[in-house]
Structures are given as C-alpha cells and as structure tokens.
Amino acid sequence: MALELPKRAALLAGFAKALELLKTVGHTSTNLASRSETRVDEHHAIVLAQFVWRVERAARPIDVTVDSTFIPHMKDGLAEIVFHHEHEDFWQALQTHGVLPPQ
C-alpha cells in the first residue's frame, strides 16, 4: 500500500489553522535561533534549524525551542522544501512548557 501525501493546499490550510490556534494562546513571534547547511548535491542540502516560538502570557513570556531538519530542492534560484522533520513533537513541546493543557 502506497503512502499518500497531503496536497499542498491542504498543508497550507492546516498551517494557517495552527497559526490561528497559536494566536489564541498568546503566540507573538517565531525566530530562527540557529541554522546550518550541508550541501548534498547541486539541487539539495540538509538544513538544521532551531526555532524559538514566543508566547506572551500575563505572568511571563514563554519561549519554546524546536529543532528541525529540512531538505530543500533548489532550482533556478527557488527552493521548495521536499522534507521537513521536527526533532520533537511540536504540540507536546507546547504542553511541556505550559502553553497548552496536557491531554
């Protein structure tokens, strides 16, 4: 049985929905804390990135750090991400830091 990947439009819609949810819990910014790149060939690289998601709460701001790996395909000056992996479950990280309630 072949694995069926979600269509681009569905992914973008899901991402927009997730950003809306994050706004309701106080998300104010996402910053790239670090990035390293290793070229694989003329069209691909392995990119390691660390993002810090800032959530502003009345008591104190909360920073949630998430490490990710990307493989972009680069052609004619444009890059398209063909693989993305978060090193930990993003939603679980939000729960661990108290941004979202435990489930």
N, C-alpha and C. Protein backbone atom coordinates (compact mmCIF):
# COMPACT_ATOMS: atom_id res chain seq x y z
N MET A 1 0.85 -1.18 0.00
CA MET A 1 0.00 0.00 0.00
C MET A 1 0.89 1.24 0.00
N ALA A 2 0.67 2.14 -0.92
CA ALA A 2 1.48 3.35 -1.04
C ALA A 2 1.02 4.41 -0.04
N LEU A 3 1.98 5.14 0.47
CA LEU A 3 1.69 6.25 1.37
C LEU A 3 1.21 7.43 0.55
N GLU A 4 0.04 7.97 0.90
CA GLU A 4 -0.48 9.11 0.18
C GLU A 4 -0.16 10.37 0.96
N LEU A 5 0.55 11.30 0.34
CA LEU A 5 0.93 12.54 0.98
C LEU A 5 -0.17 13.59 0.81
N PRO A 6 -0.32 14.47 1.81
CA PRO A 6 -1.33 15.52 1.69
C PRO A 6 -0.98 16.48 0.55
N LYS A 7 -2.00 17.03 -0.04
CA LYS A 7 -1.80 18.00 -1.10
C LYS A 7 -1.31 19.32 -0.51
N ARG A 8 -0.62 20.10 -1.32
CA ARG A 8 -0.05 21.37 -0.87
C ARG A 8 -1.12 22.29 -0.28
N ALA A 9 -2.27 22.40 -0.91
CA ALA A 9 -3.34 23.27 -0.42
C ALA A 9 -3.81 22.84 0.97
N ALA A 10 -3.91 21.53 1.18
CA ALA A 10 -4.33 21.01 2.48
C ALA A 10 -3.29 21.33 3.55
N LEU A 11 -2.02 21.20 3.20
CA LEU A 11 -0.95 21.53 4.14
C LEU A 11 -0.98 23.01 4.52
N LEU A 12 -1.14 23.87 3.53
CA LEU A 12 -1.19 25.31 3.80
C LEU A 12 -2.40 25.68 4.65
N ALA A 13 -3.54 25.06 4.38
CA ALA A 13 -4.75 25.33 5.16
C ALA A 13 -4.54 24.87 6.61
N GLY A 14 -3.93 23.72 6.79
CA GLY A 14 -3.65 23.22 8.14
C GLY A 14 -2.68 24.12 8.88
N PHE A 15 -1.69 24.64 8.18
CA PHE A 15 -0.71 25.54 8.79
C PHE A 15 -1.40 26.83 9.24
N ALA A 16 -2.27 27.38 8.40
CA ALA A 16 -3.00 28.60 8.75
C ALA A 16 -3.88 28.37 9.98
N LYS A 17 -4.52 27.22 10.04
CA LYS A 17 -5.37 26.88 11.19
C LYS A 17 -4.53 26.76 12.46
N ALA A 18 -3.36 26.15 12.36
CA ALA A 18 -2.48 26.01 13.52
C ALA A 18 -1.99 27.38 14.01
N LEU A 19 -1.67 28.29 13.09
CA LEU A 19 -1.25 29.64 13.48
C LEU A 19 -2.36 30.38 14.20
N GLU A 20 -3.59 30.20 13.76
CA GLU A 20 -4.73 30.82 14.44
C GLU A 20 -4.87 30.29 15.86
N LEU A 21 -4.71 28.97 16.03
CA LEU A 21 -4.76 28.38 17.36
C LEU A 21 -3.65 28.95 18.24
N LEU A 22 -2.45 29.07 17.68
CA LEU A 22 -1.32 29.60 18.45
C LEU A 22 -1.58 31.04 18.90
N LYS A 23 -2.22 31.84 18.05
CA LYS A 23 -2.55 33.22 18.43
C LYS A 23 -3.47 33.25 19.64
N THR A 24 -4.40 32.29 19.72
CA THR A 24 -5.35 32.28 20.84
C THR A 24 -4.67 31.98 22.17
N VAL A 25 -3.49 31.36 22.15
CA VAL A 25 -2.77 31.07 23.40
C VAL A 25 -1.64 32.07 23.65
N GLY A 26 -1.54 33.10 22.81
CA GLY A 26 -0.59 34.18 23.05
C GLY A 26 0.67 34.19 22.22
N HIS A 27 0.73 33.39 21.13
CA HIS A 27 1.92 33.38 20.27
C HIS A 27 2.13 34.76 19.67
N THR A 28 3.34 35.31 19.83
CA THR A 28 3.63 36.64 19.30
C THR A 28 4.70 36.64 18.23
N SER A 29 5.62 35.63 18.26
CA SER A 29 6.68 35.64 17.26
C SER A 29 7.34 34.27 17.17
N THR A 30 8.00 34.05 16.05
CA THR A 30 8.84 32.88 15.86
C THR A 30 10.15 33.37 15.26
N ASN A 31 11.25 33.02 15.89
CA ASN A 31 12.56 33.48 15.42
C ASN A 31 13.46 32.29 15.12
N LEU A 32 14.29 32.48 14.11
CA LEU A 32 15.31 31.49 13.76
C LEU A 32 16.51 31.75 14.65
N ALA A 33 16.78 30.82 15.58
CA ALA A 33 17.88 31.00 16.52
C ALA A 33 19.21 30.54 15.94
N SER A 34 19.17 29.45 15.14
CA SER A 34 20.40 28.98 14.50
C SER A 34 20.05 28.18 13.26
N ARG A 35 21.06 28.09 12.37
CA ARG A 35 20.87 27.36 11.11
C ARG A 35 22.22 26.91 10.62
N SER A 36 22.26 25.66 10.15
CA SER A 36 23.47 25.17 9.47
C SER A 36 23.02 24.40 8.23
N GLU A 37 23.88 24.43 7.23
CA GLU A 37 23.53 23.82 5.94
C GLU A 37 24.68 22.96 5.45
N THR A 38 24.32 21.77 4.97
CA THR A 38 25.29 20.88 4.34
C THR A 38 24.77 20.56 2.95
N ARG A 39 25.54 20.92 1.94
CA ARG A 39 25.14 20.63 0.56
C ARG A 39 25.27 19.14 0.28
N VAL A 40 24.24 18.57 -0.36
CA VAL A 40 24.24 17.16 -0.72
C VAL A 40 24.64 17.01 -2.19
N ASP A 41 24.05 17.85 -3.03
CA ASP A 41 24.39 17.90 -4.45
C ASP A 41 24.01 19.28 -4.95
N GLU A 42 24.00 19.46 -6.26
CA GLU A 42 23.74 20.80 -6.80
C GLU A 42 22.31 21.30 -6.53
N HIS A 43 21.39 20.40 -6.21
CA HIS A 43 19.99 20.80 -6.00
C HIS A 43 19.48 20.60 -4.58
N HIS A 44 20.24 19.94 -3.72
CA HIS A 44 19.74 19.60 -2.39
C HIS A 44 20.74 19.95 -1.30
N ALA A 45 20.20 20.24 -0.11
CA ALA A 45 21.01 20.48 1.07
C ALA A 45 20.26 19.92 2.27
N ILE A 46 20.97 19.65 3.33
CA ILE A 46 20.35 19.30 4.60
C ILE A 46 20.52 20.53 5.49
N VAL A 47 19.40 21.06 5.93
CA VAL A 47 19.41 22.27 6.73
C VAL A 47 18.91 21.94 8.14
N LEU A 48 19.74 22.22 9.13
CA LEU A 48 19.36 22.07 10.53
C LEU A 48 19.02 23.45 11.05
N ALA A 49 17.83 23.58 11.61
CA ALA A 49 17.38 24.89 12.08
C ALA A 49 16.80 24.77 13.49
N GLN A 50 16.99 25.83 14.27
CA GLN A 50 16.39 25.89 15.59
C GLN A 50 15.51 27.14 15.64
N PHE A 51 14.23 26.91 15.93
CA PHE A 51 13.26 28.00 16.01
C PHE A 51 12.85 28.22 17.46
N VAL A 52 12.65 29.48 17.82
CA VAL A 52 12.14 29.82 19.15
C VAL A 52 10.77 30.46 18.96
N TRP A 53 9.75 29.78 19.50
CA TRP A 53 8.37 30.25 19.43
C TRP A 53 8.08 31.00 20.73
N ARG A 54 7.73 32.29 20.64
CA ARG A 54 7.48 33.13 21.82
C ARG A 54 5.97 33.22 22.06
N VAL A 55 5.60 32.93 23.30
CA VAL A 55 4.21 33.05 23.73
C VAL A 55 4.19 34.03 24.89
N GLU A 56 3.41 35.08 24.75
CA GLU A 56 3.31 36.10 25.79
C GLU A 56 2.12 35.76 26.68
N ARG A 57 2.42 35.60 27.96
CA ARG A 57 1.40 35.35 28.98
C ARG A 57 1.45 36.48 29.98
N ALA A 58 0.35 36.66 30.71
CA ALA A 58 0.29 37.74 31.71
C ALA A 58 1.41 37.60 32.74
N ALA A 59 1.66 36.38 33.19
CA ALA A 59 2.67 36.17 34.22
C ALA A 59 4.09 36.34 33.68
N ARG A 60 4.37 35.74 32.52
CA ARG A 60 5.73 35.79 31.96
C ARG A 60 5.70 35.28 30.53
N PRO A 61 6.66 35.73 29.73
CA PRO A 61 6.76 35.16 28.38
C PRO A 61 7.31 33.74 28.45
N ILE A 62 6.90 32.91 27.50
CA ILE A 62 7.37 31.53 27.42
C ILE A 62 8.03 31.35 26.05
N ASP A 63 9.26 30.84 26.04
CA ASP A 63 9.95 30.53 24.80
C ASP A 63 10.01 29.01 24.64
N VAL A 64 9.53 28.53 23.51
CA VAL A 64 9.56 27.09 23.21
C VAL A 64 10.52 26.90 22.04
N THR A 65 11.59 26.15 22.28
CA THR A 65 12.61 25.92 21.26
C THR A 65 12.34 24.58 20.58
N VAL A 66 12.36 24.60 19.24
CA VAL A 66 12.10 23.39 18.45
C VAL A 66 13.19 23.27 17.39
N ASP A 67 13.85 22.10 17.36
CA ASP A 67 14.86 21.82 16.34
C ASP A 67 14.21 21.11 15.16
N SER A 68 14.58 21.50 13.96
CA SER A 68 14.01 20.92 12.75
C SER A 68 15.09 20.63 11.73
N THR A 69 14.80 19.67 10.86
CA THR A 69 15.65 19.36 9.72
C THR A 69 14.82 19.55 8.46
N PHE A 70 15.40 20.22 7.49
CA PHE A 70 14.75 20.45 6.20
C PHE A 70 15.65 19.95 5.08
N ILE A 71 15.05 19.48 4.02
CA ILE A 71 15.78 19.22 2.78
C ILE A 71 15.06 20.00 1.68
N PRO A 72 15.65 21.09 1.23
CA PRO A 72 15.06 21.83 0.12
C PRO A 72 15.62 21.35 -1.22
N HIS A 73 14.79 21.46 -2.24
CA HIS A 73 15.22 21.24 -3.63
C HIS A 73 15.36 22.63 -4.23
N MET A 74 16.55 22.95 -4.72
CA MET A 74 16.82 24.28 -5.24
C MET A 74 17.06 24.21 -6.74
N LYS A 75 16.31 25.06 -7.45
CA LYS A 75 16.47 25.11 -8.91
C LYS A 75 16.08 26.50 -9.38
N ASP A 76 16.89 27.06 -10.26
CA ASP A 76 16.65 28.38 -10.83
C ASP A 76 16.45 29.45 -9.75
N GLY A 77 17.20 29.35 -8.66
CA GLY A 77 17.14 30.36 -7.60
C GLY A 77 15.95 30.21 -6.66
N LEU A 78 15.15 29.17 -6.85
CA LEU A 78 13.99 28.94 -5.99
C LEU A 78 14.20 27.67 -5.18
N ALA A 79 13.69 27.67 -3.96
CA ALA A 79 13.80 26.50 -3.09
C ALA A 79 12.42 26.00 -2.74
N GLU A 80 12.24 24.70 -2.81
CA GLU A 80 11.00 24.06 -2.38
C GLU A 80 11.36 22.99 -1.36
N ILE A 81 10.73 23.04 -0.19
CA ILE A 81 11.01 22.06 0.85
C ILE A 81 10.40 20.73 0.45
N VAL A 82 11.24 19.71 0.33
CA VAL A 82 10.76 18.38 -0.04
C VAL A 82 10.71 17.44 1.16
N PHE A 83 11.34 17.87 2.28
CA PHE A 83 11.31 17.07 3.50
C PHE A 83 11.45 18.00 4.69
N HIS A 84 10.64 17.76 5.73
CA HIS A 84 10.73 18.53 6.97
C HIS A 84 10.47 17.57 8.13
N HIS A 85 11.32 17.64 9.14
CA HIS A 85 11.15 16.80 10.33
C HIS A 85 11.47 17.62 11.57
N GLU A 86 10.51 17.67 12.50
CA GLU A 86 10.77 18.29 13.80
C GLU A 86 11.34 17.21 14.71
N HIS A 87 12.37 17.55 15.46
CA HIS A 87 13.07 16.57 16.28
C HIS A 87 12.28 16.15 17.51
N GLU A 88 11.23 16.88 17.79
CA GLU A 88 10.31 16.54 18.87
C GLU A 88 8.91 16.92 18.42
N ASP A 89 7.91 16.37 19.05
CA ASP A 89 6.54 16.72 18.71
C ASP A 89 6.26 18.16 19.14
N PHE A 90 5.95 19.02 18.19
CA PHE A 90 5.75 20.45 18.45
C PHE A 90 4.65 20.67 19.48
N TRP A 91 3.52 20.00 19.32
CA TRP A 91 2.38 20.20 20.22
C TRP A 91 2.72 19.69 21.62
N GLN A 92 3.47 18.62 21.71
CA GLN A 92 3.91 18.10 23.01
C GLN A 92 4.85 19.10 23.68
N ALA A 93 5.72 19.73 22.90
CA ALA A 93 6.63 20.74 23.45
C ALA A 93 5.83 21.91 24.03
N LEU A 94 4.76 22.31 23.35
CA LEU A 94 3.90 23.39 23.87
C LEU A 94 3.24 22.96 25.18
N GLN A 95 2.83 21.71 25.26
CA GLN A 95 2.23 21.21 26.50
C GLN A 95 3.27 21.17 27.63
N THR A 96 4.46 20.70 27.32
CA THR A 96 5.53 20.59 28.33
C THR A 96 5.86 21.95 28.92
N HIS A 97 5.80 23.02 28.10
CA HIS A 97 6.12 24.36 28.57
C HIS A 97 4.91 25.09 29.15
N GLY A 98 3.77 24.41 29.22
CA GLY A 98 2.58 25.01 29.83
C GLY A 98 1.80 25.93 28.92
N VAL A 99 2.13 25.94 27.63
CA VAL A 99 1.38 26.79 26.69
C VAL A 99 0.01 26.18 26.40
N LEU A 100 -0.03 24.87 26.23
CA LEU A 100 -1.27 24.14 26.01
C LEU A 100 -1.51 23.21 27.19
N PRO A 101 -2.77 22.94 27.51
CA PRO A 101 -3.04 21.99 28.61
C PRO A 101 -2.66 20.57 28.22
N PRO A 102 -2.27 19.76 29.21
CA PRO A 102 -1.95 18.35 28.90
C PRO A 102 -3.19 17.62 28.39
N GLN A 103 -2.95 16.62 27.55
CA GLN A 103 -4.09 15.85 27.02
C GLN A 103 -4.00 14.43 27.43
